């Protein structure tokens, strides 16, 4: 996570649990979250966490999404972050 991401700004967080973590998170879900984030006047950052994976086309979307900062955390990053804090989610 970028060091400057967790400053004093408000952040919207959305967490999705998928039954099959080998599947990809639907791009339409991320579009929807980005849309909610875009209309907020006092929130400039969002974190989207999923127990699934992100498809490569999500990276293309993020490269073109410059309105606000959006951090995506997939199952692999989620496990890494949890383990680095001493938690096991497996």
N, C-alpha and C. Protein backbone atom coordinates (compact mmCIF):
# COMPACT_ATOMS: atom_id res chain seq x y z
N UNK A 1 0.85 -1.16 0.00
CA UNK A 1 0.00 0.00 0.00
C UNK A 1 0.90 1.23 0.00
N UNK A 2 0.61 2.19 -0.85
CA UNK A 2 1.43 3.40 -0.88
C UNK A 2 1.43 4.11 0.47
N UNK A 3 2.58 4.63 0.87
CA UNK A 3 2.71 5.29 2.17
C UNK A 3 1.78 6.48 2.31
N UNK A 4 1.56 7.21 1.23
CA UNK A 4 0.72 8.40 1.32
C UNK A 4 -0.77 8.09 1.17
N UNK A 5 -1.12 6.83 1.02
CA UNK A 5 -2.52 6.48 0.81
C UNK A 5 -3.32 6.63 2.10
N UNK A 6 -2.73 6.23 3.21
CA UNK A 6 -3.45 6.25 4.48
C UNK A 6 -3.09 7.48 5.29
N UNK A 7 -3.41 8.64 4.77
CA UNK A 7 -3.22 9.87 5.54
C UNK A 7 -4.55 10.23 6.19
N UNK A 8 -4.85 11.47 6.37
CA UNK A 8 -6.06 11.88 7.08
C UNK A 8 -7.30 12.00 6.21
N UNK A 9 -7.20 11.62 4.95
CA UNK A 9 -8.36 11.69 4.06
C UNK A 9 -9.34 10.57 4.37
N UNK A 10 -10.61 10.83 4.07
CA UNK A 10 -11.60 9.77 4.19
C UNK A 10 -11.42 8.79 3.03
N UNK A 11 -11.68 7.51 3.31
CA UNK A 11 -11.52 6.45 2.31
C UNK A 11 -12.79 5.60 2.30
N UNK A 12 -13.27 5.28 1.10
CA UNK A 12 -14.38 4.34 0.95
C UNK A 12 -13.77 2.96 0.72
N UNK A 13 -14.25 1.97 1.46
CA UNK A 13 -13.75 0.60 1.33
C UNK A 13 -14.91 -0.31 0.95
N UNK A 14 -14.67 -1.17 -0.03
CA UNK A 14 -15.65 -2.19 -0.39
C UNK A 14 -14.94 -3.53 -0.40
N UNK A 15 -15.56 -4.53 0.23
CA UNK A 15 -14.98 -5.87 0.32
C UNK A 15 -15.97 -6.86 -0.27
N UNK A 16 -15.48 -7.70 -1.19
CA UNK A 16 -16.31 -8.72 -1.83
C UNK A 16 -15.74 -10.09 -1.52
N UNK A 17 -16.59 -10.99 -1.07
CA UNK A 17 -16.17 -12.37 -0.84
C UNK A 17 -16.78 -13.24 -1.93
N UNK A 18 -15.92 -13.89 -2.68
CA UNK A 18 -16.36 -14.79 -3.75
C UNK A 18 -16.14 -16.23 -3.28
N UNK A 19 -17.08 -17.12 -3.60
CA UNK A 19 -16.95 -18.51 -3.18
C UNK A 19 -15.75 -19.19 -3.82
N UNK A 20 -15.43 -18.82 -5.05
CA UNK A 20 -14.31 -19.42 -5.76
C UNK A 20 -13.23 -18.35 -5.97
N UNK A 21 -12.14 -18.45 -5.21
CA UNK A 21 -11.09 -17.43 -5.29
C UNK A 21 -10.26 -17.55 -6.57
N UNK A 22 -10.48 -18.59 -7.37
CA UNK A 22 -9.76 -18.74 -8.64
C UNK A 22 -10.45 -17.98 -9.78
N UNK A 23 -11.63 -17.48 -9.52
CA UNK A 23 -12.35 -16.72 -10.55
C UNK A 23 -11.91 -15.26 -10.50
N UNK A 24 -12.29 -14.52 -11.54
CA UNK A 24 -11.94 -13.11 -11.64
C UNK A 24 -13.07 -12.23 -11.12
N UNK A 25 -12.71 -11.13 -10.50
CA UNK A 25 -13.69 -10.15 -10.06
C UNK A 25 -14.27 -9.47 -11.30
N UNK A 26 -15.59 -9.40 -11.43
CA UNK A 26 -16.18 -8.77 -12.61
C UNK A 26 -15.80 -7.29 -12.72
N UNK A 27 -15.41 -6.90 -13.91
CA UNK A 27 -15.02 -5.51 -14.15
C UNK A 27 -16.18 -4.56 -13.87
N UNK A 28 -17.41 -5.01 -14.11
CA UNK A 28 -18.57 -4.15 -13.87
C UNK A 28 -18.68 -3.79 -12.38
N UNK A 29 -18.24 -4.67 -11.49
CA UNK A 29 -18.25 -4.37 -10.06
C UNK A 29 -17.28 -3.24 -9.73
N UNK A 30 -16.12 -3.28 -10.36
CA UNK A 30 -15.11 -2.25 -10.12
C UNK A 30 -15.55 -0.94 -10.75
N UNK A 31 -16.17 -1.01 -11.92
CA UNK A 31 -16.74 0.19 -12.54
C UNK A 31 -17.76 0.84 -11.62
N UNK A 32 -18.62 0.01 -11.03
CA UNK A 32 -19.65 0.52 -10.12
C UNK A 32 -19.03 1.21 -8.91
N UNK A 33 -18.02 0.60 -8.34
CA UNK A 33 -17.34 1.19 -7.18
C UNK A 33 -16.66 2.49 -7.57
N UNK A 34 -16.02 2.50 -8.73
CA UNK A 34 -15.36 3.72 -9.21
C UNK A 34 -16.39 4.83 -9.44
N UNK A 35 -17.57 4.45 -9.91
CA UNK A 35 -18.63 5.44 -10.11
C UNK A 35 -19.10 6.04 -8.80
N UNK A 36 -19.26 5.22 -7.79
CA UNK A 36 -19.64 5.72 -6.46
C UNK A 36 -18.56 6.66 -5.94
N UNK A 37 -17.31 6.26 -6.10
CA UNK A 37 -16.20 7.09 -5.64
C UNK A 37 -16.15 8.41 -6.40
N UNK A 38 -16.44 8.37 -7.69
CA UNK A 38 -16.35 9.57 -8.52
C UNK A 38 -17.35 10.65 -8.12
N UNK A 39 -18.52 10.26 -7.63
CA UNK A 39 -19.54 11.26 -7.30
C UNK A 39 -19.40 11.80 -5.88
N UNK A 40 -18.52 11.23 -5.09
CA UNK A 40 -18.31 11.73 -3.74
C UNK A 40 -17.54 13.05 -3.79
N UNK A 41 -17.99 14.02 -3.05
CA UNK A 41 -17.32 15.32 -3.08
C UNK A 41 -16.25 15.46 -2.01
N UNK A 42 -16.32 14.65 -0.96
CA UNK A 42 -15.35 14.78 0.12
C UNK A 42 -14.45 13.55 0.29
N UNK A 43 -14.58 12.58 -0.60
CA UNK A 43 -13.77 11.36 -0.52
C UNK A 43 -13.00 11.22 -1.82
N UNK A 44 -11.69 11.08 -1.72
CA UNK A 44 -10.85 11.04 -2.92
C UNK A 44 -10.10 9.72 -3.08
N UNK A 45 -10.32 8.78 -2.15
CA UNK A 45 -9.59 7.51 -2.22
C UNK A 45 -10.55 6.36 -1.95
N UNK A 46 -10.29 5.25 -2.62
CA UNK A 46 -11.10 4.06 -2.42
C UNK A 46 -10.24 2.82 -2.39
N UNK A 47 -10.66 1.83 -1.60
CA UNK A 47 -9.98 0.53 -1.55
C UNK A 47 -11.03 -0.52 -1.86
N UNK A 48 -10.72 -1.36 -2.85
CA UNK A 48 -11.62 -2.44 -3.27
C UNK A 48 -10.90 -3.75 -3.00
N UNK A 49 -11.45 -4.55 -2.10
CA UNK A 49 -10.84 -5.82 -1.70
C UNK A 49 -11.72 -6.96 -2.19
N UNK A 50 -11.10 -7.99 -2.77
CA UNK A 50 -11.87 -9.15 -3.21
C UNK A 50 -11.12 -10.44 -2.86
N UNK A 51 -11.88 -11.48 -2.63
CA UNK A 51 -11.28 -12.79 -2.40
C UNK A 51 -11.04 -13.50 -3.73
N UNK A 52 -11.31 -12.83 -4.83
CA UNK A 52 -11.05 -13.38 -6.16
C UNK A 52 -9.76 -12.77 -6.70
N UNK A 53 -9.58 -12.87 -8.01
CA UNK A 53 -8.42 -12.28 -8.69
C UNK A 53 -8.90 -11.16 -9.58
N UNK A 54 -7.97 -10.30 -9.99
CA UNK A 54 -8.29 -9.24 -10.95
C UNK A 54 -7.76 -9.64 -12.32
N UNK A 55 -8.57 -9.44 -13.33
CA UNK A 55 -8.18 -9.71 -14.71
C UNK A 55 -7.28 -8.59 -15.19
N UNK A 56 -6.47 -8.86 -16.22
CA UNK A 56 -5.56 -7.85 -16.77
C UNK A 56 -6.29 -6.59 -17.25
N UNK A 57 -7.53 -6.75 -17.72
CA UNK A 57 -8.27 -5.58 -18.22
C UNK A 57 -8.59 -4.58 -17.11
N UNK A 58 -8.51 -5.01 -15.86
CA UNK A 58 -8.71 -4.09 -14.74
C UNK A 58 -7.55 -3.08 -14.69
N UNK A 59 -6.35 -3.56 -14.98
CA UNK A 59 -5.19 -2.66 -15.04
C UNK A 59 -5.37 -1.60 -16.11
N UNK A 60 -5.91 -1.98 -17.25
CA UNK A 60 -6.19 -1.00 -18.31
C UNK A 60 -7.19 0.03 -17.85
N UNK A 61 -8.22 -0.41 -17.15
CA UNK A 61 -9.22 0.51 -16.63
C UNK A 61 -8.58 1.50 -15.65
N UNK A 62 -7.74 0.99 -14.74
CA UNK A 62 -7.12 1.87 -13.74
C UNK A 62 -6.17 2.88 -14.38
N UNK A 63 -5.48 2.47 -15.44
CA UNK A 63 -4.58 3.40 -16.12
C UNK A 63 -5.34 4.58 -16.72
N UNK A 64 -6.60 4.35 -17.09
CA UNK A 64 -7.43 5.41 -17.68
C UNK A 64 -8.31 6.11 -16.64
N UNK A 65 -8.27 5.63 -15.41
CA UNK A 65 -9.10 6.19 -14.33
C UNK A 65 -8.22 7.11 -13.49
N UNK A 66 -8.34 8.39 -13.72
CA UNK A 66 -7.46 9.31 -13.01
C UNK A 66 -8.23 10.32 -12.16
N UNK A 67 -9.52 10.10 -11.99
CA UNK A 67 -10.32 11.05 -11.22
C UNK A 67 -9.89 11.04 -9.76
N UNK A 68 -9.80 9.86 -9.19
CA UNK A 68 -9.45 9.72 -7.78
C UNK A 68 -8.56 8.49 -7.62
N UNK A 69 -8.00 8.31 -6.46
CA UNK A 69 -7.10 7.19 -6.22
C UNK A 69 -7.90 5.95 -5.83
N UNK A 70 -7.60 4.86 -6.48
CA UNK A 70 -8.29 3.61 -6.25
C UNK A 70 -7.26 2.51 -6.08
N UNK A 71 -7.29 1.84 -4.94
CA UNK A 71 -6.37 0.75 -4.63
C UNK A 71 -7.14 -0.55 -4.68
N UNK A 72 -6.62 -1.51 -5.45
CA UNK A 72 -7.26 -2.83 -5.55
C UNK A 72 -6.42 -3.86 -4.80
N UNK A 73 -7.09 -4.67 -3.99
CA UNK A 73 -6.42 -5.73 -3.24
C UNK A 73 -7.11 -7.03 -3.59
N UNK A 74 -6.37 -7.95 -4.22
CA UNK A 74 -6.93 -9.25 -4.58
C UNK A 74 -6.55 -10.28 -3.51
N UNK A 75 -6.94 -11.53 -3.73
CA UNK A 75 -6.73 -12.57 -2.72
C UNK A 75 -5.25 -12.75 -2.39
N UNK A 76 -4.38 -12.68 -3.39
CA UNK A 76 -2.95 -12.88 -3.13
C UNK A 76 -2.38 -11.74 -2.27
N UNK A 77 -2.72 -10.52 -2.61
CA UNK A 77 -2.23 -9.38 -1.83
C UNK A 77 -2.85 -9.39 -0.43
N UNK A 78 -4.11 -9.81 -0.34
CA UNK A 78 -4.81 -9.89 0.93
C UNK A 78 -4.10 -10.87 1.87
N UNK A 79 -3.75 -12.04 1.34
CA UNK A 79 -3.04 -13.04 2.14
C UNK A 79 -1.67 -12.51 2.57
N UNK A 80 -0.94 -11.91 1.64
CA UNK A 80 0.38 -11.36 1.96
C UNK A 80 0.28 -10.30 3.06
N UNK A 81 -0.67 -9.39 2.93
CA UNK A 81 -0.83 -8.33 3.93
C UNK A 81 -1.21 -8.92 5.29
N UNK A 82 -2.11 -9.90 5.28
CA UNK A 82 -2.54 -10.52 6.54
C UNK A 82 -1.38 -11.23 7.23
N UNK A 83 -0.61 -11.98 6.45
CA UNK A 83 0.50 -12.70 7.04
C UNK A 83 1.59 -11.76 7.55
N UNK A 84 1.80 -10.63 6.87
CA UNK A 84 2.80 -9.69 7.34
C UNK A 84 2.38 -9.04 8.66
N UNK A 85 1.08 -9.09 8.97
CA UNK A 85 0.57 -8.55 10.25
C UNK A 85 0.41 -9.65 11.29
N UNK A 86 0.78 -10.88 10.94
CA UNK A 86 0.69 -11.98 11.90
C UNK A 86 -0.62 -12.72 11.91
N UNK A 87 -1.45 -12.50 10.89
CA UNK A 87 -2.74 -13.20 10.78
C UNK A 87 -2.68 -14.23 9.67
N UNK A 88 -3.46 -15.28 9.83
CA UNK A 88 -3.56 -16.29 8.78
C UNK A 88 -5.02 -16.36 8.35
N UNK A 89 -5.27 -16.21 7.06
CA UNK A 89 -6.65 -16.29 6.56
C UNK A 89 -6.86 -17.51 5.69
N UNK A 90 -5.88 -18.39 5.63
CA UNK A 90 -6.05 -19.58 4.79
C UNK A 90 -6.72 -20.70 5.53
